């Protein structure tokens, strides 16, 4: 039996200011990890754009979407654009859609899903669609599912996982399906795992990491990897692995416990990058790299 070695390594503390509830994704065309926005020190909302390349952070833009937090963005590999939706600007939740081509931001839509934040997004690479699920606005939680085809949003489901915010979602290409874990309602976090295929959600597991909200998850081509989150009492620092049917805890050595951080899978270097978040008392700005070897 082949033994895998999971290794977290801290890379640096220099780069974007400490923050949480930002969004991060890997642009496979430019081979760069991109960070946008979030809540920084003294609750300042940011609209700065940063890139991580050659293990160095560089600020590349401070224009584009308005300052915001709790938004989500993914990379549309078919169109070569980063897609961003929603978030909270300090006064209202947003319902705007933006795209980033590696050089500049462009506002592309104001219609589609109702305004929201703390939702989940993933990119279906087989159908070339961006999938959005759930979240919350000023008055309510949501559990609707939408898809973006590069031009417009279409609602594709309004049943499935219960109303929730802060879920973690990836596209599980081996199953050609969206995989969703956890999140929280107004009283407590969830520990359930769901899969959506052909616009139908099915619960596939209740065992695994336990109830968590505000963790983050990436897909590497063969597995989903989940790190961190809040269980309703304390921040979590466990790393979990999903390979199609079961969760496996890999280790709890690495980054300090946190939630509302973000991760991205660098397919060029075959590693996962984690940045920032909130540990329950302070905002974080550390950058970590996870590799899995045999």
Protein backbone atom coordinates (compact mmCIF):
# COMPACT_ATOMS: atom_id res chain seq x y z
CA UNK A 1 0.00 0.00 0.00
CA UNK A 2 1.35 3.40 -1.05
CA UNK A 3 1.59 5.94 1.77
CA UNK A 4 0.80 9.56 0.96
CA UNK A 5 2.66 12.36 2.67
CA UNK A 6 0.63 15.51 3.31
CA UNK A 7 2.80 18.53 4.01
CA UNK A 8 1.81 22.10 4.84
CA UNK A 9 4.59 24.71 4.55
CA UNK A 10 4.27 28.39 5.43
CA UNK A 11 5.53 30.54 2.57
CA UNK A 12 5.45 34.19 3.68
CA UNK A 13 3.61 36.93 5.57
CA UNK A 14 4.23 39.72 3.04
CA UNK A 15 1.40 40.49 0.64
CA UNK A 16 -2.28 41.41 0.97
CA UNK A 17 -3.25 42.99 4.28
CA UNK A 18 -4.81 40.72 6.94
CA UNK A 19 -8.37 39.91 5.86
CA UNK A 20 -11.25 37.48 5.83
CA UNK A 21 -14.33 36.83 3.65
CA UNK A 22 -12.36 37.61 0.47
CA UNK A 23 -12.20 35.32 -2.55
CA UNK A 24 -9.31 33.58 -4.30
CA UNK A 25 -9.02 31.44 -7.42
CA UNK A 26 -6.40 30.04 -9.81
CA UNK A 27 -6.21 31.43 -13.35
CA UNK A 28 -4.85 28.47 -15.32
CA UNK A 29 -4.24 30.60 -18.41
CA UNK A 30 -1.86 33.04 -16.73
CA UNK A 31 -0.87 30.44 -14.09
CA UNK A 32 -1.55 32.95 -11.31
CA UNK A 33 -3.61 32.84 -8.14
CA UNK A 34 -5.83 35.91 -7.85
CA UNK A 35 -7.22 37.45 -4.63
CA UNK A 36 -9.90 40.15 -4.54
CA UNK A 37 -11.46 42.22 -1.75
CA UNK A 38 -12.59 41.14 1.70
CA UNK A 39 -12.78 42.59 5.20
CA UNK A 40 -9.49 43.96 6.50
CA UNK A 41 -8.26 45.65 9.69
CA UNK A 42 -10.77 47.95 11.45
CA UNK A 43 -13.51 46.32 9.32
CA UNK A 44 -12.31 48.14 6.21
CA UNK A 45 -13.79 46.66 3.03
CA UNK A 46 -11.27 46.21 0.24
CA UNK A 47 -11.40 46.21 -3.55
CA UNK A 48 -7.73 45.48 -4.23
CA UNK A 49 -6.65 42.70 -6.59
CA UNK A 50 -3.50 40.67 -5.93
CA UNK A 51 -1.70 37.88 -7.73
CA UNK A 52 0.48 35.08 -6.35
CA UNK A 53 3.10 33.89 -8.80
CA UNK A 54 6.60 32.51 -8.26
CA UNK A 55 5.74 32.50 -4.54
CA UNK A 56 5.46 36.31 -4.42
CA UNK A 57 2.39 38.49 -3.86
CA UNK A 58 1.98 41.54 -6.13
CA UNK A 59 -0.88 44.04 -6.13
CA UNK A 60 -2.10 44.45 -9.71
CA UNK A 61 -5.28 46.53 -9.48
CA UNK A 62 -7.33 48.68 -7.14
CA UNK A 63 -10.13 49.42 -9.59
CA UNK A 64 -13.03 47.21 -10.60
CA UNK A 65 -15.84 45.97 -8.36
CA UNK A 66 -16.65 48.28 -5.44
CA UNK A 67 -15.13 47.46 -2.03
CA UNK A 68 -16.90 44.37 -0.68
CA UNK A 69 -16.77 41.25 1.42
CA UNK A 70 -18.54 37.86 1.38
CA UNK A 71 -18.44 37.67 -2.44
CA UNK A 72 -17.34 34.63 -4.44
CA UNK A 73 -15.35 34.16 -7.61
CA UNK A 74 -14.20 31.25 -9.80
CA UNK A 75 -12.14 30.80 -12.97
CA UNK A 76 -14.06 30.03 -16.18
CA UNK A 77 -11.45 28.02 -18.10
CA UNK A 78 -13.54 27.87 -21.31
CA UNK A 79 -13.75 31.66 -21.62
CA UNK A 80 -10.50 32.50 -19.87
CA UNK A 81 -12.19 34.82 -17.35
CA UNK A 82 -12.52 35.05 -13.59
CA UNK A 83 -16.20 35.44 -12.64
CA UNK A 84 -17.23 37.31 -9.47
CA UNK A 85 -20.73 37.59 -8.06
CA UNK A 86 -22.32 39.49 -5.18
CA UNK A 87 -21.02 40.28 -1.72
CA UNK A 88 -21.72 42.96 0.90
CA UNK A 89 -20.53 46.56 0.47
CA UNK A 90 -21.11 47.68 4.07
CA UNK A 91 -24.62 48.92 3.36
CA UNK A 92 -26.35 46.45 1.05
CA UNK A 93 -25.81 43.05 -0.50
CA UNK A 94 -24.85 43.10 -4.17
CA UNK A 95 -26.29 41.25 -7.14
CA UNK A 96 -23.74 42.28 -9.76
CA UNK A 97 -21.56 40.03 -11.91
CA UNK A 98 -18.01 40.94 -12.91
CA UNK A 99 -15.31 39.29 -14.97
CA UNK A 100 -11.53 39.70 -14.87
CA UNK A 101 -9.34 38.83 -17.86
CA UNK A 102 -5.99 39.06 -16.10
CA UNK A 103 -5.61 42.76 -16.85
CA UNK A 104 -8.85 44.56 -16.06
CA UNK A 105 -12.24 44.09 -14.46
CA UNK A 106 -15.46 44.42 -16.48
CA UNK A 107 -19.02 44.74 -15.14
CA UNK A 108 -21.09 42.25 -17.15
CA UNK A 109 -24.51 41.90 -15.46
CA UNK A 110 -26.87 43.31 -12.84
CA UNK A 111 -29.60 40.71 -13.33
CA UNK A 112 -29.68 37.09 -12.19
CA UNK A 113 -29.62 35.70 -8.65
CA UNK A 114 -31.06 38.03 -5.99
CA UNK A 115 -28.35 40.03 -4.17
CA UNK A 116 -26.48 37.98 -1.57
CA UNK A 117 -23.21 37.12 0.12
CA UNK A 118 -21.63 34.08 1.84
CA UNK A 119 -22.87 31.89 -1.01
CA UNK A 120 -20.94 29.15 -2.83
CA UNK A 121 -19.70 29.02 -6.42
CA UNK A 122 -17.98 26.36 -8.53
CA UNK A 123 -17.14 25.96 -12.21
CA UNK A 124 -18.55 23.01 -14.17
CA UNK A 125 -15.77 22.49 -16.71
CA UNK A 126 -17.68 19.80 -18.63
CA UNK A 127 -20.63 22.08 -19.35
CA UNK A 128 -18.74 25.41 -19.24
CA UNK A 129 -21.08 26.81 -16.59
CA UNK A 130 -20.54 28.69 -13.33
CA UNK A 131 -22.77 27.25 -10.58
CA UNK A 132 -23.99 29.35 -7.61
CA UNK A 133 -25.77 28.03 -4.53
CA UNK A 134 -27.33 29.53 -1.41
CA UNK A 135 -26.05 32.36 0.75
CA UNK A 136 -27.80 35.14 2.65
CA UNK A 137 -28.96 38.74 2.34
CA UNK A 138 -30.19 41.31 4.85
CA UNK A 139 -33.34 39.35 5.70
CA UNK A 140 -33.06 35.70 4.74
CA UNK A 141 -31.03 32.59 3.99
CA UNK A 142 -31.25 30.99 0.54
CA UNK A 143 -30.95 27.55 -1.06
CA UNK A 144 -31.55 28.32 -4.74
CA UNK A 145 -29.15 27.14 -7.46
CA UNK A 146 -28.19 29.21 -10.52
CA UNK A 147 -25.87 28.85 -13.49
CA UNK A 148 -24.01 31.44 -15.57
CA UNK A 149 -23.32 30.59 -19.23
CA UNK A 150 -21.03 33.52 -19.89
CA UNK A 151 -23.91 35.80 -20.90
CA UNK A 152 -26.79 35.36 -18.47
CA UNK A 153 -27.89 33.64 -15.26
CA UNK A 154 -30.59 30.93 -15.19
CA UNK A 155 -32.12 29.40 -12.07
CA UNK A 156 -31.82 25.62 -12.30
CA UNK A 157 -33.05 24.38 -8.89
CA UNK A 158 -34.80 25.59 -5.75
CA UNK A 159 -34.64 22.34 -3.78
CA UNK A 160 -31.69 20.41 -2.37
CA UNK A 161 -29.55 21.33 0.62
CA UNK A 162 -31.46 23.31 3.25
CA UNK A 163 -31.26 27.09 3.55
CA UNK A 164 -27.69 27.98 4.47
CA UNK A 165 -24.77 30.38 4.32
CA UNK A 166 -20.99 29.71 4.27
CA UNK A 167 -21.06 26.32 2.48
CA UNK A 168 -17.98 24.98 0.66
CA UNK A 169 -18.36 23.88 -2.96
CA UNK A 170 -16.22 22.46 -5.78
CA UNK A 171 -16.75 20.79 -9.14
CA UNK A 172 -15.97 17.08 -8.78
CA UNK A 173 -14.87 16.34 -12.34
CA UNK A 174 -14.50 12.58 -11.74
CA UNK A 175 -18.26 12.46 -11.06
CA UNK A 176 -19.21 15.35 -13.39
CA UNK A 177 -21.06 16.86 -10.45
CA UNK A 178 -21.04 19.73 -7.97
CA UNK A 179 -19.91 18.72 -4.47
CA UNK A 180 -21.09 20.77 -1.47
CA UNK A 181 -20.16 20.48 2.18
CA UNK A 182 -21.52 22.11 5.33
CA UNK A 183 -22.47 25.71 5.91
CA UNK A 184 -24.78 27.07 8.59
CA UNK A 185 -28.30 28.30 9.22
CA UNK A 186 -29.26 30.84 11.88
CA UNK A 187 -28.70 28.41 14.76
CA UNK A 188 -25.89 25.97 13.94
CA UNK A 189 -23.49 24.64 11.28
CA UNK A 190 -24.07 21.54 9.15
CA UNK A 191 -21.88 18.50 8.52
CA UNK A 192 -23.68 17.09 5.49
CA UNK A 193 -22.22 16.43 2.02
CA UNK A 194 -24.30 16.87 -1.14
CA UNK A 195 -23.78 16.27 -4.84
CA UNK A 196 -25.65 17.92 -7.74
CA UNK A 197 -25.83 16.25 -11.12
CA UNK A 198 -28.26 17.08 -13.95
CA UNK A 199 -29.59 19.89 -11.73
CA UNK A 200 -30.69 17.45 -9.03
CA UNK A 201 -29.20 17.59 -5.52
CA UNK A 202 -28.67 14.34 -3.57
CA UNK A 203 -27.31 13.96 -0.05
CA UNK A 204 -24.37 11.55 -0.19
CA UNK A 205 -22.86 11.61 3.31
CA UNK A 206 -23.46 12.74 6.89
CA UNK A 207 -20.17 11.38 8.26
CA UNK A 208 -16.84 13.15 8.07
CA UNK A 209 -15.51 16.51 9.23
CA UNK A 210 -18.50 17.27 11.46
CA UNK A 211 -20.57 20.45 11.37
CA UNK A 212 -18.51 23.34 9.93
CA UNK A 213 -19.19 26.70 8.33
CA UNK A 214 -16.74 29.08 6.67
CA UNK A 215 -14.17 26.45 5.74
CA UNK A 216 -12.86 26.23 2.19
CA UNK A 217 -12.53 23.40 -0.28
CA UNK A 218 -10.65 22.85 -3.56
CA UNK A 219 -10.60 20.05 -6.11
CA UNK A 220 -7.28 18.74 -7.43
CA UNK A 221 -8.53 16.55 -10.27
CA UNK A 222 -8.64 13.42 -8.13
CA UNK A 223 -9.87 14.60 -4.71
CA UNK A 224 -11.54 17.42 -2.84
CA UNK A 225 -9.55 18.91 0.05
CA UNK A 226 -11.28 20.78 2.88
CA UNK A 227 -9.51 22.90 5.48
CA UNK A 228 -10.69 24.83 8.54
CA UNK A 229 -14.07 26.33 9.41
CA UNK A 230 -16.08 27.12 12.53
CA UNK A 231 -18.01 24.38 14.34
CA UNK A 232 -20.18 26.70 16.43
CA UNK A 233 -17.75 26.71 19.36
CA UNK A 234 -14.16 26.92 18.09
CA UNK A 235 -12.22 27.39 14.88
CA UNK A 236 -11.04 24.20 13.18
CA UNK A 237 -7.55 23.34 11.86
CA UNK A 238 -8.13 19.92 10.33
CA UNK A 239 -7.37 18.88 6.74
CA UNK A 240 -9.87 16.47 5.17
CA UNK A 241 -9.77 14.51 1.93
CA UNK A 242 -12.77 13.40 -0.18
CA UNK A 243 -12.14 10.88 -2.96
CA UNK A 244 -15.62 10.30 -4.29
CA UNK A 245 -17.50 8.63 -1.46
CA UNK A 246 -15.85 9.07 1.95
CA UNK A 247 -14.11 11.74 3.99
CA UNK A 248 -10.67 10.96 5.46
CA UNK A 249 -8.92 13.17 8.00
CA UNK A 250 -5.33 13.66 6.89
CA UNK A 251 -3.67 15.76 9.60
CA UNK A 252 -4.06 18.73 11.87
CA UNK A 253 -0.51 20.04 11.52
CA UNK A 254 -0.11 23.16 9.43
CA UNK A 255 -1.92 26.48 9.41
CA UNK A 256 -3.44 27.70 12.66
CA UNK A 257 -7.17 27.14 13.16
CA UNK A 258 -9.29 29.58 11.16
CA UNK A 259 -12.41 30.25 9.11
CA UNK A 260 -13.37 32.65 6.30
CA UNK A 261 -10.01 32.06 4.60
CA UNK A 262 -9.65 31.03 0.96
CA UNK A 263 -7.78 28.32 -0.94
CA UNK A 264 -6.93 27.68 -4.59
CA UNK A 265 -5.46 24.69 -6.39
CA UNK A 266 -2.43 25.54 -8.52
CA UNK A 267 -2.65 22.90 -11.25
CA UNK A 268 0.66 24.04 -12.76
CA UNK A 269 2.63 23.24 -9.59
CA UNK A 270 0.21 20.59 -8.22
CA UNK A 271 -0.22 22.26 -4.84
CA UNK A 272 -2.89 24.01 -2.79
CA UNK A 273 -2.39 27.60 -1.65
CA UNK A 274 -4.16 28.97 1.45
CA UNK A 275 -4.28 32.62 2.48
CA UNK A 276 -5.70 34.67 5.36
CA UNK A 277 -8.88 34.24 7.36
CA UNK A 278 -9.99 34.84 10.95
CA UNK A 279 -8.85 32.80 13.96
CA UNK A 280 -11.52 33.98 16.40
CA UNK A 281 -9.62 37.00 17.65
CA UNK A 282 -7.38 38.41 14.91
CA UNK A 283 -7.28 38.67 11.11
CA UNK A 284 -4.60 36.63 9.35
CA UNK A 285 -2.34 37.32 6.37
CA UNK A 286 -0.19 34.19 6.23
CA UNK A 287 0.27 32.14 3.06
CA UNK A 288 0.61 28.34 3.15
CA UNK A 289 1.24 25.64 0.57
CA UNK A 290 -0.03 22.06 0.79
CA UNK A 291 1.56 19.28 -1.24
CA UNK A 292 0.68 15.59 -1.35
CA UNK A 293 3.41 13.15 -2.35
CA UNK A 294 3.85 9.37 -2.37
